[in-house]
Every structure is written in structure tokens, then in C-alpha cells.
Amino acid sequence: MHPITWRCSVRNVLHFKRLDEASGDTVELTFEGEPVTARAGETVAAALLAAGHISGRQTPVSGSPRGPYCMMGACFDCLVEIDGEANRQGCMTQVRDGMVVRRMTGARDVDRGSAA
């Protein structure tokens, strides 16, 4: 048997949504050049999932998309580039106004902690 590979071409196919849509201050960040409105205090991973972005990086092994899984900093599937700094855990980083987030691509450079 071949392992199942999940590929999502439809944005927000999992329908992540906030429990309380009506309250809270908002901030705006960009993801891949697209504006994303987030709640102050949310993590980058939660904001991206709520906005329909389920993949934040590609695995260097097969090129398949990866996205937040554990949401508590253990799995490292939520790695993104934040304000030019590679390999940031989206689930452990709070959003802030003006933040620029990009997908991670390529293998990690262990010596410098950046994508190759």
C-alpha cells in the first residue's frame, strides 16, 4: 500500500473558524503578500488557519505541503518565515500589526537556522 498524501487545493477546506467572531481588537499581517486580518493575541498559525491558509511550508523531502498540527510547539509543522526570519514556529508566535509572513521552502540550514 502507498501512504496517503493529503493535498489541499481548496482554501480553508477544513473550515477553521473562531469561536467568538464578534469581539476583540484586530491586527493586519500579510501572508505571501495577501492581507490577513487576525485577532490581537492569536498565534500566527491560528490566524492563518482561520483565514484559510492550511499550509505554511513544504517538506524538503518530497515537496508536499505541511501545516500546523499540534498547535503547541512540539511537531514543528507550522514553521514559517516571519519578518525575514526563517524557521519560526507559527503556533508559538503571537501576531502583531504589520507582520510579514511567508511560506518556508527548502531544507533548513542547521548552522544558521535559515532555509537553504
PDB file of N, CA and C in Angstrom:
ATOM      1  N   MET A   1       0.828  -1.189   0.000  1.00  0.00           N
ATOM      2  CA  MET A   1       0.000   0.000   0.000  1.00  0.00           C
ATOM      3  C   MET A   1       0.867   1.246   0.000  1.00  0.00           C
ATOM      4  N   HIS A   2       0.383   2.252  -0.646  1.00  0.00           N
ATOM      5  CA  HIS A   2       1.073   3.534  -0.676  1.00  0.00           C
ATOM      6  C   HIS A   2       0.528   4.427   0.432  1.00  0.00           C
ATOM      7  N   PRO A   3       1.394   5.203   1.062  1.00  0.00           N
ATOM      8  CA  PRO A   3       0.895   6.130   2.086  1.00  0.00           C
ATOM      9  C   PRO A   3       0.014   7.195   1.447  1.00  0.00           C
ATOM     10  N   ILE A   4      -0.936   7.645   2.195  1.00  0.00           N
ATOM     11  CA  ILE A   4      -1.842   8.688   1.708  1.00  0.00           C
ATOM     12  C   ILE A   4      -1.144  10.036   1.810  1.00  0.00           C
ATOM     13  N   THR A   5      -1.195  10.801   0.755  1.00  0.00           N
ATOM     14  CA  THR A   5      -0.663  12.156   0.753  1.00  0.00           C
ATOM     15  C   THR A   5      -1.836  13.112   0.633  1.00  0.00           C
ATOM     16  N   TRP A   6      -1.958  14.000   1.588  1.00  0.00           N
ATOM     17  CA  TRP A   6      -3.042  14.974   1.565  1.00  0.00           C
ATOM     18  C   TRP A   6      -2.584  16.222   0.834  1.00  0.00           C
ATOM     19  N   ARG A   7      -3.289  16.587  -0.165  1.00  0.00           N
ATOM     20  CA  ARG A   7      -3.024  17.828  -0.886  1.00  0.00           C
ATOM     21  C   ARG A   7      -4.308  18.641  -0.879  1.00  0.00           C
ATOM     22  N   CYS A   8      -4.213  19.852  -0.470  1.00  0.00           N
ATOM     23  CA  CYS A   8      -5.394  20.704  -0.379  1.00  0.00           C
ATOM     24  C   CYS A   8      -5.268  21.845  -1.369  1.00  0.00           C
ATOM     25  N   SER A   9      -6.129  21.837  -2.361  1.00  0.00           N
ATOM     26  CA  SER A   9      -6.116  22.921  -3.330  1.00  0.00           C
ATOM     27  C   SER A   9      -7.228  23.925  -3.045  1.00  0.00           C
ATOM     28  N   VAL A  10      -8.156  23.578  -2.182  1.00  0.00           N
ATOM     29  CA  VAL A  10      -9.248  24.470  -1.828  1.00  0.00           C
ATOM     30  C   VAL A  10      -8.909  25.137  -0.505  1.00  0.00           C
ATOM     31  N   ARG A  11      -8.918  26.467  -0.502  1.00  0.00           N
ATOM     32  CA  ARG A  11      -8.578  27.187   0.724  1.00  0.00           C
ATOM     33  C   ARG A  11      -9.625  26.952   1.793  1.00  0.00           C
ATOM     34  N   ASN A  12      -9.173  26.801   3.006  1.00  0.00           N
ATOM     35  CA  ASN A  12      -9.995  26.584   4.195  1.00  0.00           C
ATOM     36  C   ASN A  12     -10.937  25.398   4.045  1.00  0.00           C
ATOM     37  N   VAL A  13     -10.431  24.337   3.450  1.00  0.00           N
ATOM     38  CA  VAL A  13     -11.222  23.129   3.264  1.00  0.00           C
ATOM     39  C   VAL A  13     -11.655  22.537   4.605  1.00  0.00           C
ATOM     40  N   LEU A  14     -10.931  22.821   5.670  1.00  0.00           N
ATOM     41  CA  LEU A  14     -11.263  22.283   6.982  1.00  0.00           C
ATOM     42  C   LEU A  14     -12.176  23.201   7.781  1.00  0.00           C
ATOM     43  N   HIS A  15     -12.472  24.366   7.264  1.00  0.00           N
ATOM     44  CA  HIS A  15     -13.409  25.312   7.870  1.00  0.00           C
ATOM     45  C   HIS A  15     -13.046  25.705   9.300  1.00  0.00           C
ATOM     46  N   PHE A  16     -11.790  26.063   9.506  1.00  0.00           N
ATOM     47  CA  PHE A  16     -11.401  26.601  10.804  1.00  0.00           C
ATOM     48  C   PHE A  16     -12.098  27.929  10.995  1.00  0.00           C
ATOM     49  N   LYS A  17     -12.633  28.170  12.172  1.00  0.00           N
ATOM     50  CA  LYS A  17     -13.234  29.463  12.467  1.00  0.00           C
ATOM     51  C   LYS A  17     -13.079  29.767  13.945  1.00  0.00           C
ATOM     52  N   ARG A  18     -13.131  31.036  14.244  1.00  0.00           N
ATOM     53  CA  ARG A  18     -13.007  31.471  15.632  1.00  0.00           C
ATOM     54  C   ARG A  18     -14.295  31.164  16.386  1.00  0.00           C
ATOM     55  N   LEU A  19     -14.170  30.869  17.668  1.00  0.00           N
ATOM     56  CA  LEU A  19     -15.354  30.582  18.472  1.00  0.00           C
ATOM     57  C   LEU A  19     -16.205  31.822  18.680  1.00  0.00           C
ATOM     58  N   ASP A  20     -15.564  32.988  18.811  1.00  0.00           N
ATOM     59  CA  ASP A  20     -16.287  34.234  19.035  1.00  0.00           C
ATOM     60  C   ASP A  20     -15.854  35.230  17.974  1.00  0.00           C
ATOM     61  N   GLU A  21     -16.643  35.353  16.920  1.00  0.00           N
ATOM     62  CA  GLU A  21     -16.290  36.224  15.795  1.00  0.00           C
ATOM     63  C   GLU A  21     -16.499  37.708  16.091  1.00  0.00           C
ATOM     64  N   ALA A  22     -17.276  38.043  17.104  1.00  0.00           N
ATOM     65  CA  ALA A  22     -17.714  39.424  17.277  1.00  0.00           C
ATOM     66  C   ALA A  22     -16.826  40.305  18.143  1.00  0.00           C
ATOM     67  N   SER A  23     -15.898  39.738  18.884  1.00  0.00           N
ATOM     68  CA  SER A  23     -15.176  40.585  19.831  1.00  0.00           C
ATOM     69  C   SER A  23     -13.673  40.564  19.597  1.00  0.00           C
ATOM     70  N   GLY A  24     -13.013  41.555  20.164  1.00  0.00           N
ATOM     71  CA  GLY A  24     -11.554  41.592  20.138  1.00  0.00           C
ATOM     72  C   GLY A  24     -10.979  42.579  19.146  1.00  0.00           C
ATOM     73  N   ASP A  25      -9.831  43.130  19.519  1.00  0.00           N
ATOM     74  CA  ASP A  25      -9.102  44.031  18.634  1.00  0.00           C
ATOM     75  C   ASP A  25      -8.479  43.218  17.510  1.00  0.00           C
ATOM     76  N   THR A  26      -8.358  43.843  16.356  1.00  0.00           N
ATOM     77  CA  THR A  26      -7.768  43.145  15.216  1.00  0.00           C
ATOM     78  C   THR A  26      -6.448  43.789  14.810  1.00  0.00           C
ATOM     79  N   VAL A  27      -5.619  42.989  14.174  1.00  0.00           N
ATOM     80  CA  VAL A  27      -4.366  43.450  13.582  1.00  0.00           C
ATOM     81  C   VAL A  27      -4.331  42.921  12.158  1.00  0.00           C
ATOM     82  N   GLU A  28      -3.503  43.540  11.335  1.00  0.00           N
ATOM     83  CA  GLU A  28      -3.371  43.055   9.962  1.00  0.00           C
ATOM     84  C   GLU A  28      -1.933  42.649   9.701  1.00  0.00           C
ATOM     85  N   LEU A  29      -1.790  41.459   9.144  1.00  0.00           N
ATOM     86  CA  LEU A  29      -0.486  40.966   8.722  1.00  0.00           C
ATOM     87  C   LEU A  29      -0.611  40.576   7.262  1.00  0.00           C
ATOM     88  N   THR A  30       0.495  40.239   6.639  1.00  0.00           N
ATOM     89  CA  THR A  30       0.423  39.729   5.274  1.00  0.00           C
ATOM     90  C   THR A  30       1.001  38.328   5.242  1.00  0.00           C
ATOM     91  N   PHE A  31       0.393  37.480   4.418  1.00  0.00           N
ATOM     92  CA  PHE A  31       0.885  36.131   4.189  1.00  0.00           C
ATOM     93  C   PHE A  31       1.021  35.956   2.689  1.00  0.00           C
ATOM     94  N   GLU A  32       2.251  35.767   2.246  1.00  0.00           N
ATOM     95  CA  GLU A  32       2.533  35.647   0.815  1.00  0.00           C
ATOM     96  C   GLU A  32       1.981  36.852   0.053  1.00  0.00           C
ATOM     97  N   GLY A  33       2.089  38.030   0.661  1.00  0.00           N
ATOM     98  CA  GLY A  33       1.661  39.267   0.028  1.00  0.00           C
ATOM     99  C   GLY A  33       0.178  39.561   0.136  1.00  0.00           C
ATOM    100  N   GLU A  34      -0.593  38.649   0.705  1.00  0.00           N
ATOM    101  CA  GLU A  34      -2.036  38.821   0.832  1.00  0.00           C
ATOM    102  C   GLU A  34      -2.375  39.295   2.244  1.00  0.00           C
ATOM    103  N   PRO A  35      -3.218  40.326   2.382  1.00  0.00           N
ATOM    104  CA  PRO A  35      -3.566  40.791   3.721  1.00  0.00           C
ATOM    105  C   PRO A  35      -4.391  39.751   4.486  1.00  0.00           C
ATOM    106  N   VAL A  36      -4.092  39.609   5.765  1.00  0.00           N
ATOM    107  CA  VAL A  36      -4.819  38.697   6.653  1.00  0.00           C
ATOM    108  C   VAL A  36      -5.185  39.480   7.904  1.00  0.00           C
ATOM    109  N   THR A  37      -6.459  39.487   8.244  1.00  0.00           N
ATOM    110  CA  THR A  37      -6.908  40.129   9.473  1.00  0.00           C
ATOM    111  C   THR A  37      -6.922  39.083  10.575  1.00  0.00           C
ATOM    112  N   ALA A  38      -6.308  39.414  11.694  1.00  0.00           N
ATOM    113  CA  ALA A  38      -6.200  38.481  12.816  1.00  0.00           C
ATOM    114  C   ALA A  38      -6.635  39.176  14.093  1.00  0.00           C
ATOM    115  N   ARG A  39      -6.886  38.407  15.103  1.00  0.00           N
ATOM    116  CA  ARG A  39      -7.214  38.939  16.419  1.00  0.00           C
ATOM    117  C   ARG A  39      -5.946  39.164  17.214  1.00  0.00           C
ATOM    118  N   ALA A  40      -5.872  40.271  17.895  1.00  0.00           N
ATOM    119  CA  ALA A  40      -4.742  40.524  18.788  1.00  0.00           C
ATOM    120  C   ALA A  40      -4.676  39.389  19.802  1.00  0.00           C
ATOM    121  N   GLY A  41      -3.487  38.842  20.010  1.00  0.00           N
ATOM    122  CA  GLY A  41      -3.305  37.745  20.948  1.00  0.00           C
ATOM    123  C   GLY A  41      -3.328  36.368  20.316  1.00  0.00           C
ATOM    124  N   GLU A  42      -3.802  36.263  19.073  1.00  0.00           N
ATOM    125  CA  GLU A  42      -3.793  34.975  18.376  1.00  0.00           C
ATOM    126  C   GLU A  42      -2.375  34.619  17.964  1.00  0.00           C
ATOM    127  N   THR A  43      -2.147  33.352  17.728  1.00  0.00           N
ATOM    128  CA  THR A  43      -0.869  32.952  17.164  1.00  0.00           C
ATOM    129  C   THR A  43      -0.937  33.089  15.650  1.00  0.00           C
ATOM    130  N   VAL A  44       0.226  33.140  15.033  1.00  0.00           N
ATOM    131  CA  VAL A  44       0.300  33.209  13.575  1.00  0.00           C
ATOM    132  C   VAL A  44      -0.406  31.998  12.966  1.00  0.00           C
ATOM    133  N   ALA A  45      -0.151  30.809  13.506  1.00  0.00           N
ATOM    134  CA  ALA A  45      -0.771  29.595  12.966  1.00  0.00           C
ATOM    135  C   ALA A  45      -2.293  29.663  13.047  1.00  0.00           C
ATOM    136  N   ALA A  46      -2.839  30.091  14.176  1.00  0.00           N
ATOM    137  CA  ALA A  46      -4.290  30.187  14.330  1.00  0.00           C
ATOM    138  C   ALA A  46      -4.876  31.207  13.361  1.00  0.00           C
ATOM    139  N   ALA A  47      -4.207  32.335  13.197  1.00  0.00           N
ATOM    140  CA  ALA A  47      -4.692  33.370  12.282  1.00  0.00           C
ATOM    141  C   ALA A  47      -4.689  32.878  10.840  1.00  0.00           C
ATOM    142  N   LEU A  48      -3.628  32.177  10.446  1.00  0.00           N
ATOM    143  CA  LEU A  48      -3.558  31.668   9.076  1.00  0.00           C
ATOM    144  C   LEU A  48      -4.610  30.597   8.832  1.00  0.00           C
ATOM    145  N   LEU A  49      -4.810  29.703   9.787  1.00  0.00           N
ATOM    146  CA  LEU A  49      -5.846  28.681   9.635  1.00  0.00           C
ATOM    147  C   LEU A  49      -7.227  29.316   9.523  1.00  0.00           C
ATOM    148  N   ALA A  50      -7.521  30.302  10.364  1.00  0.00           N
ATOM    149  CA  ALA A  50      -8.820  30.974  10.324  1.00  0.00           C
ATOM    150  C   ALA A  50      -9.034  31.706   9.003  1.00  0.00           C
ATOM    151  N   ALA A  51      -7.936  32.154   8.383  1.00  0.00           N
ATOM    152  CA  ALA A  51      -8.021  32.854   7.098  1.00  0.00           C
ATOM    153  C   ALA A  51      -8.033  31.892   5.914  1.00  0.00           C
ATOM    154  N   GLY A  52      -7.923  30.587   6.190  1.00  0.00           N
ATOM    155  CA  GLY A  52      -7.998  29.607   5.112  1.00  0.00           C
ATOM    156  C   GLY A  52      -6.679  29.121   4.576  1.00  0.00           C
ATOM    157  N   HIS A  53      -5.591  29.520   5.186  1.00  0.00           N
ATOM    158  CA  HIS A  53      -4.263  29.082   4.734  1.00  0.00           C
ATOM    159  C   HIS A  53      -3.845  27.875   5.571  1.00  0.00           C
ATOM    160  N   ILE A  54      -3.972  26.684   5.014  1.00  0.00           N
ATOM    161  CA  ILE A  54      -3.706  25.489   5.811  1.00  0.00           C
ATOM    162  C   ILE A  54      -2.291  24.959   5.648  1.00  0.00           C
ATOM    163  N   SER A  55      -1.537  25.509   4.720  1.00  0.00           N
ATOM    164  CA  SER A  55      -0.155  25.061   4.528  1.00  0.00           C
ATOM    165  C   SER A  55       0.787  26.246   4.649  1.00  0.00           C
ATOM    166  N   GLY A  56       1.780  26.120   5.532  1.00  0.00           N
ATOM    167  CA  GLY A  56       2.740  27.196   5.725  1.00  0.00           C
ATOM    168  C   GLY A  56       4.133  26.866   5.238  1.00  0.00           C
ATOM    169  N   ARG A  57       4.337  25.617   4.830  1.00  0.00           N
ATOM    170  CA  ARG A  57       5.665  25.235   4.351  1.00  0.00           C
ATOM    171  C   ARG A  57       5.554  24.002   3.481  1.00  0.00           C
ATOM    172  N   GLN A  58       6.660  23.683   2.818  1.00  0.00           N
ATOM    173  CA  GLN A  58       6.772  22.447   2.050  1.00  0.00           C
ATOM    174  C   GLN A  58       7.891  21.625   2.650  1.00  0.00           C
ATOM    175  N   THR A  59       7.676  20.331   2.782  1.00  0.00           N
ATOM    176  CA  THR A  59       8.731  19.483   3.296  1.00  0.00           C
ATOM    177  C   THR A  59       9.834  19.355   2.245  1.00  0.00           C
ATOM    178  N   PRO A  60      11.091  19.490   2.642  1.00  0.00           N
ATOM    179  CA  PRO A  60      12.184  19.392   1.670  1.00  0.00           C
ATOM    180  C   PRO A  60      12.362  17.975   1.126  1.00  0.00           C
ATOM    181  N   VAL A  61      11.801  16.979   1.783  1.00  0.00           N
ATOM    182  CA  VAL A  61      11.954  15.592   1.343  1.00  0.00           C
ATOM    183  C   VAL A  61      11.157  15.330   0.073  1.00  0.00           C
ATOM    184  N   SER A  62       9.863  15.650   0.086  1.00  0.00           N
ATOM    185  CA  SER A  62       9.007  15.343  -1.061  1.00  0.00           C
ATOM    186  C   SER A  62       8.391  16.572  -1.714  1.00  0.00           C
ATOM    187  N   GLY A  63       8.502  17.724  -1.065  1.00  0.00           N
ATOM    188  CA  GLY A  63       7.880  18.932  -1.591  1.00  0.00           C
ATOM    189  C   GLY A  63       6.407  19.043  -1.245  1.00  0.00           C
ATOM    190  N   SER A  64       5.874  18.097  -0.474  1.00  0.00           N
ATOM    191  CA  SER A  64       4.453  18.140  -0.136  1.00  0.00           C
ATOM    192  C   SER A  64       4.186  19.216   0.920  1.00  0.00           C
ATOM    193  N   PRO A  65       2.980  19.793   0.873  1.00  0.00           N
ATOM    194  CA  PRO A  65       2.646  20.863   1.812  1.00  0.00           C
ATOM    195  C   PRO A  65       2.485  20.340   3.232  1.00  0.00           C
ATOM    196  N   ARG A  66       2.858  21.169   4.186  1.00  0.00           N
ATOM    197  CA  ARG A  66       2.708  20.857   5.607  1.00  0.00           C
ATOM    198  C   ARG A  66       2.036  22.044   6.279  1.00  0.00           C
ATOM    199  N   GLY A  67       1.313  21.780   7.334  1.00  0.00           N
ATOM    200  CA  GLY A  67       0.640  22.839   8.058  1.00  0.00           C
ATOM    201  C   GLY A  67       0.622  22.547   9.542  1.00  0.00           C
ATOM    202  N   PRO A  68       0.128  23.484  10.340  1.00  0.00           N
ATOM    203  CA  PRO A  68       0.086  23.299  11.786  1.00  0.00           C
ATOM    204  C   PRO A  68      -0.645  22.011  12.157  1.00  0.00           C
ATOM    205  N   TYR A  69      -0.082  21.297  13.115  1.00  0.00           N
ATOM    206  CA  TYR A  69      -0.674  20.028  13.530  1.00  0.00           C
ATOM    207  C   TYR A  69      -0.978  20.031  15.029  1.00  0.00           C
ATOM    208  N   CYS A  70       0.047  20.183  15.845  1.00  0.00           N
ATOM    209  CA  CYS A  70      -0.160  20.043  17.295  1.00  0.00           C
ATOM    210  C   CYS A  70      -0.599  21.348  17.956  1.00  0.00           C
ATOM    211  N   MET A  71      -0.244  22.476  17.387  1.00  0.00           N
ATOM    212  CA  MET A  71      -0.565  23.808  17.910  1.00  0.00           C
ATOM    213  C   MET A  71      -0.002  24.058  19.313  1.00  0.00           C
ATOM    214  N   MET A  72       1.066  23.327  19.684  1.00  0.00           N
ATOM    215  CA  MET A  72       1.680  23.549  20.993  1.00  0.00           C
ATOM    216  C   MET A  72       3.200  23.489  20.949  1.00  0.00           C
ATOM    217  N   GLY A  73       3.785  23.611  19.758  1.00  0.00           N
ATOM    218  CA  GLY A  73       5.230  23.731  19.644  1.00  0.00           C
ATOM    219  C   GLY A  73       6.021  22.451  19.616  1.00  0.00           C
ATOM    220  N   ALA A  74       5.365  21.305  19.482  1.00  0.00           N
ATOM    221  CA  ALA A  74       6.086  20.033  19.520  1.00  0.00           C
ATOM    222  C   ALA A  74       6.430  19.471  18.140  1.00  0.00           C
ATOM    223  N   CYS A  75       5.570  19.678  17.149  1.00  0.00           N
ATOM    224  CA  CYS A  75       5.742  18.975  15.869  1.00  0.00           C
ATOM    225  C   CYS A  75       6.559  19.742  14.827  1.00  0.00           C
ATOM    226  N   PHE A  76       6.650  21.041  14.920  1.00  0.00           N
ATOM    227  CA  PHE A  76       7.392  21.905  14.001  1.00  0.00           C
ATOM    228  C   PHE A  76       6.837  21.898  12.572  1.00  0.00           C
ATOM    229  N   ASP A  77       5.601  21.463  12.384  1.00  0.00           N
ATOM    230  CA  ASP A  77       4.993  21.522  11.059  1.00  0.00           C
ATOM    231  C   ASP A  77       4.464  22.915  10.734  1.00  0.00           C
ATOM    232  N   CYS A  78       4.484  23.819  11.684  1.00  0.00           N
ATOM    233  CA  CYS A  78       3.964  25.176  11.490  1.00  0.00           C
ATOM    234  C   CYS A  78       5.057  26.184  11.140  1.00  0.00           C
ATOM    235  N   LEU A  79       6.249  25.714  10.789  1.00  0.00           N
ATOM    236  CA  LEU A  79       7.355  26.640  10.522  1.00  0.00           C
ATOM    237  C   LEU A  79       7.033  27.577   9.366  1.00  0.00           C
ATOM    238  N   VAL A  80       7.269  28.861   9.585  1.00  0.00           N
ATOM    239  CA  VAL A  80       7.083  29.898   8.574  1.00  0.00           C
ATOM    240  C   VAL A  80       8.223  30.904   8.707  1.00  0.00           C
ATOM    241  N   GLU A  81       8.324  31.766   7.724  1.00  0.00           N
ATOM    242  CA  GLU A  81       9.263  32.888   7.799  1.00  0.00           C
ATOM    243  C   GLU A  81       8.481  34.096   8.291  1.00  0.00           C
ATOM    244  N   ILE A  82       8.963  34.742   9.343  1.00  0.00           N
ATOM    245  CA  ILE A  82       8.293  35.913   9.908  1.00  0.00           C
ATOM    246  C   ILE A  82       9.255  37.088   9.883  1.00  0.00           C
ATOM    247  N   ASP A  83       8.853  38.137   9.171  1.00  0.00           N
ATOM    248  CA  ASP A  83       9.667  39.352   9.050  1.00  0.00           C
ATOM    249  C   ASP A  83      11.102  39.033   8.642  1.00  0.00           C
ATOM    250  N   GLY A  84      11.252  38.111   7.693  1.00  0.00           N
ATOM    251  CA  GLY A  84      12.560  37.764   7.154  1.00  0.00           C
ATOM    252  C   GLY A  84      13.332  36.739   7.960  1.00  0.00           C
ATOM    253  N   GLU A  85      12.814  36.318   9.102  1.00  0.00           N
ATOM    254  CA  GLU A  85      13.487  35.321   9.938  1.00  0.00           C
ATOM    255  C   GLU A  85      12.864  33.947   9.691  1.00  0.00           C
ATOM    256  N   ALA A  86      13.675  33.029   9.165  1.00  0.00           N
ATOM    257  CA  ALA A  86      13.199  31.695   8.799  1.00  0.00           C
ATOM    258  C   ALA A  86      13.006  30.802  10.020  1.00  0.00           C
ATOM    259  N   ASN A  87      12.244  29.732   9.807  1.00  0.00           N
ATOM    260  CA  ASN A  87      12.054  28.660  10.792  1.00  0.00           C
ATOM    261  C   ASN A  87      11.444  29.120  12.111  1.00  0.00           C
ATOM    262  N   ARG A  88      10.474  30.004  12.025  1.00  0.00           N
ATOM    263  CA  ARG A  88       9.743  30.441  13.222  1.00  0.00           C
ATOM    264  C   ARG A  88       8.520  29.548  13.398  1.00  0.00           C
ATOM    265  N   GLN A  89       8.251  29.150  14.611  1.00  0.00           N
ATOM    266  CA  GLN A  89       7.076  28.336  14.894  1.00  0.00           C
ATOM    267  C   GLN A  89       5.840  29.232  14.936  1.00  0.00           C
ATOM    268  N   GLY A  90       4.985  29.073  13.942  1.00  0.00           N
ATOM    269  CA  GLY A  90       3.786  29.888  13.863  1.00  0.00           C
ATOM    270  C   GLY A  90       2.836  29.689  15.028  1.00  0.00           C
ATOM    271  N   CYS A  91       2.830  28.489  15.598  1.00  0.00           N
ATOM    272  CA  CYS A  91       1.907  28.214  16.710  1.00  0.00           C
ATOM    273  C   CYS A  91       2.397  28.782  18.033  1.00  0.00           C
ATOM    274  N   MET A  92       3.631  29.253  18.072  1.00  0.00           N
ATOM    275  CA  MET A  92       4.195  29.788  19.310  1.00  0.00           C
ATOM    276  C   MET A  92       4.475  31.294  19.217  1.00  0.00           C
ATOM    277  N   THR A  93       4.091  31.914  18.111  1.00  0.00           N
ATOM    278  CA  THR A  93       4.375  33.327  17.875  1.00  0.00           C
ATOM    279  C   THR A  93       3.068  34.100  17.755  1.00  0.00           C
ATOM    280  N   GLN A  94       2.880  35.111  18.596  1.00  0.00           N
ATOM    281  CA  GLN A  94       1.670  35.924  18.523  1.00  0.00           C
ATOM    282  C   GLN A  94       1.749  36.900  17.355  1.00  0.00           C
ATOM    283  N   VAL A  95       0.596  37.150  16.747  1.00  0.00           N
ATOM    284  CA  VAL A  95       0.520  38.103  15.644  1.00  0.00           C
ATOM    285  C   VAL A  95       0.741  39.515  16.161  1.00  0.00           C
ATOM    286  N   ARG A  96       1.186  40.372  15.263  1.00  0.00           N
ATOM    287  CA  ARG A  96       1.262  41.799  15.561  1.00  0.00           C
ATOM    288  C   ARG A  96       1.013  42.551  14.265  1.00  0.00           C
ATOM    289  N   ASP A  97       0.558  43.763  14.397  1.00  0.00           N
ATOM    290  CA  ASP A  97       0.208  44.573  13.242  1.00  0.00           C
ATOM    291  C   ASP A  97       1.425  44.790  12.348  1.00  0.00           C
ATOM    292  N   GLY A  98       1.259  44.596  11.054  1.00  0.00           N
ATOM    293  CA  GLY A  98       2.323  44.822  10.087  1.00  0.00           C
ATOM    294  C   GLY A  98       3.252  43.642   9.865  1.00  0.00           C
ATOM    295  N   MET A  99       3.049  42.550  10.559  1.00  0.00           N
ATOM    296  CA  MET A  99       3.895  41.363  10.433  1.00  0.00           C
ATOM    297  C   MET A  99       3.834  40.827   8.998  1.00  0.00           C
ATOM    298  N   VAL A 100       4.989  40.403   8.489  1.00  0.00           N
ATOM    299  CA  VAL A 100       5.068  39.822   7.144  1.00  0.00           C
ATOM    300  C   VAL A 100       5.437  38.352   7.291  1.00  0.00           C
ATOM    301  N   VAL A 101       4.552  37.481   6.825  1.00  0.00           N
ATOM    302  CA  VAL A 101       4.734  36.038   6.960  1.00  0.00           C
ATOM    303  C   VAL A 101       4.817  35.421   5.569  1.00  0.00           C
ATOM    304  N   ARG A 102       5.772  34.522   5.409  1.00  0.00           N
ATOM    305  CA  ARG A 102       5.944  33.819   4.126  1.00  0.00           C
ATOM    306  C   ARG A 102       6.074  32.325   4.377  1.00  0.00           C
ATOM    307  N   ARG A 103       5.766  31.544   3.346  1.00  0.00           N
ATOM    308  CA  ARG A 103       5.934  30.088   3.420  1.00  0.00           C
ATOM    309  C   ARG A 103       7.408  29.737   3.480  1.00  0.00           C
ATOM    310  N   MET A 104       7.699  28.656   4.172  1.00  0.00           N
ATOM    311  CA  MET A 104       9.057  28.115   4.204  1.00  0.00           C
ATOM    312  C   MET A 104       9.219  27.154   3.035  1.00  0.00           C
ATOM    313  N   THR A 105      10.351  27.249   2.362  1.00  0.00           N
ATOM    314  CA  THR A 105      10.676  26.308   1.293  1.00  0.00           C
ATOM    315  C   THR A 105      12.120  25.885   1.459  1.00  0.00           C
ATOM    316  N   GLY A 106      12.431  24.704   0.989  1.00  0.00           N
ATOM    317  CA  GLY A 106      13.805  24.227   1.045  1.00  0.00           C
ATOM    318  C   GLY A 106      14.172  23.634   2.386  1.00  0.00           C
ATOM    319  N   ALA A 107      15.370  23.101   2.443  1.00  0.00           N
ATOM    320  CA  ALA A 107      15.866  22.471   3.665  1.00  0.00           C
ATOM    321  C   ALA A 107      16.415  23.518   4.621  1.00  0.00           C
ATOM    322  N   ARG A 108      16.349  23.215   5.884  1.00  0.00           N
ATOM    323  CA  ARG A 108      16.857  24.124   6.906  1.00  0.00           C
ATOM    324  C   ARG A 108      18.377  24.066   6.941  1.00  0.00           C
ATOM    325  N   ASP A 109      18.990  25.230   7.054  1.00  0.00           N
ATOM    326  CA  ASP A 109      20.431  25.332   7.254  1.00  0.00           C
ATOM    327  C   ASP A 109      20.649  25.294   8.762  1.00  0.00           C
ATOM    328  N   VAL A 110      21.099  24.152   9.269  1.00  0.00           N
ATOM    329  CA  VAL A 110      21.201  23.942  10.709  1.00  0.00           C
ATOM    330  C   VAL A 110      22.172  24.912  11.365  1.00  0.00           C
ATOM    331  N   ASP A 111      23.272  25.243  10.689  1.00  0.00           N
ATOM    332  CA  ASP A 111      24.264  26.138  11.280  1.00  0.00           C
ATOM    333  C   ASP A 111      23.716  27.540  11.509  1.00  0.00           C
ATOM    334  N   ARG A 112      22.893  28.024  10.587  1.00  0.00           N
ATOM    335  CA  ARG A 112      22.396  29.391  10.691  1.00  0.00           C
ATOM    336  C   ARG A 112      20.910  29.459  11.011  1.00  0.00           C
ATOM    337  N   GLY A 113      20.218  28.319  10.972  1.00  0.00           N
ATOM    338  CA  GLY A 113      18.792  28.323  11.271  1.00  0.00           C
ATOM    339  C   GLY A 113      17.940  28.943  10.192  1.00  0.00           C
ATOM    340  N   SER A 114      18.405  28.926   8.947  1.00  0.00           N
ATOM    341  CA  SER A 114      17.625  29.512   7.866  1.00  0.00           C
ATOM    342  C   SER A 114      17.416  28.494   6.762  1.00  0.00           C
ATOM    343  N   ALA A 115      16.483  28.800   5.874  1.00  0.00           N
ATOM    344  CA  ALA A 115      16.216  27.912   4.745  1.00  0.00           C
ATOM    345  C   ALA A 115      17.339  28.039   3.727  1.00  0.00           C
ATOM    346  N   ALA A 116      17.684  26.932   3.113  1.00  0.00           N
ATOM    347  CA  ALA A 116      18.754  26.935   2.106  1.00  0.00           C
ATOM    348  C   ALA A 116      18.218  27.324   0.754  1.00  0.00           C
TER     349      ALA A 116
END
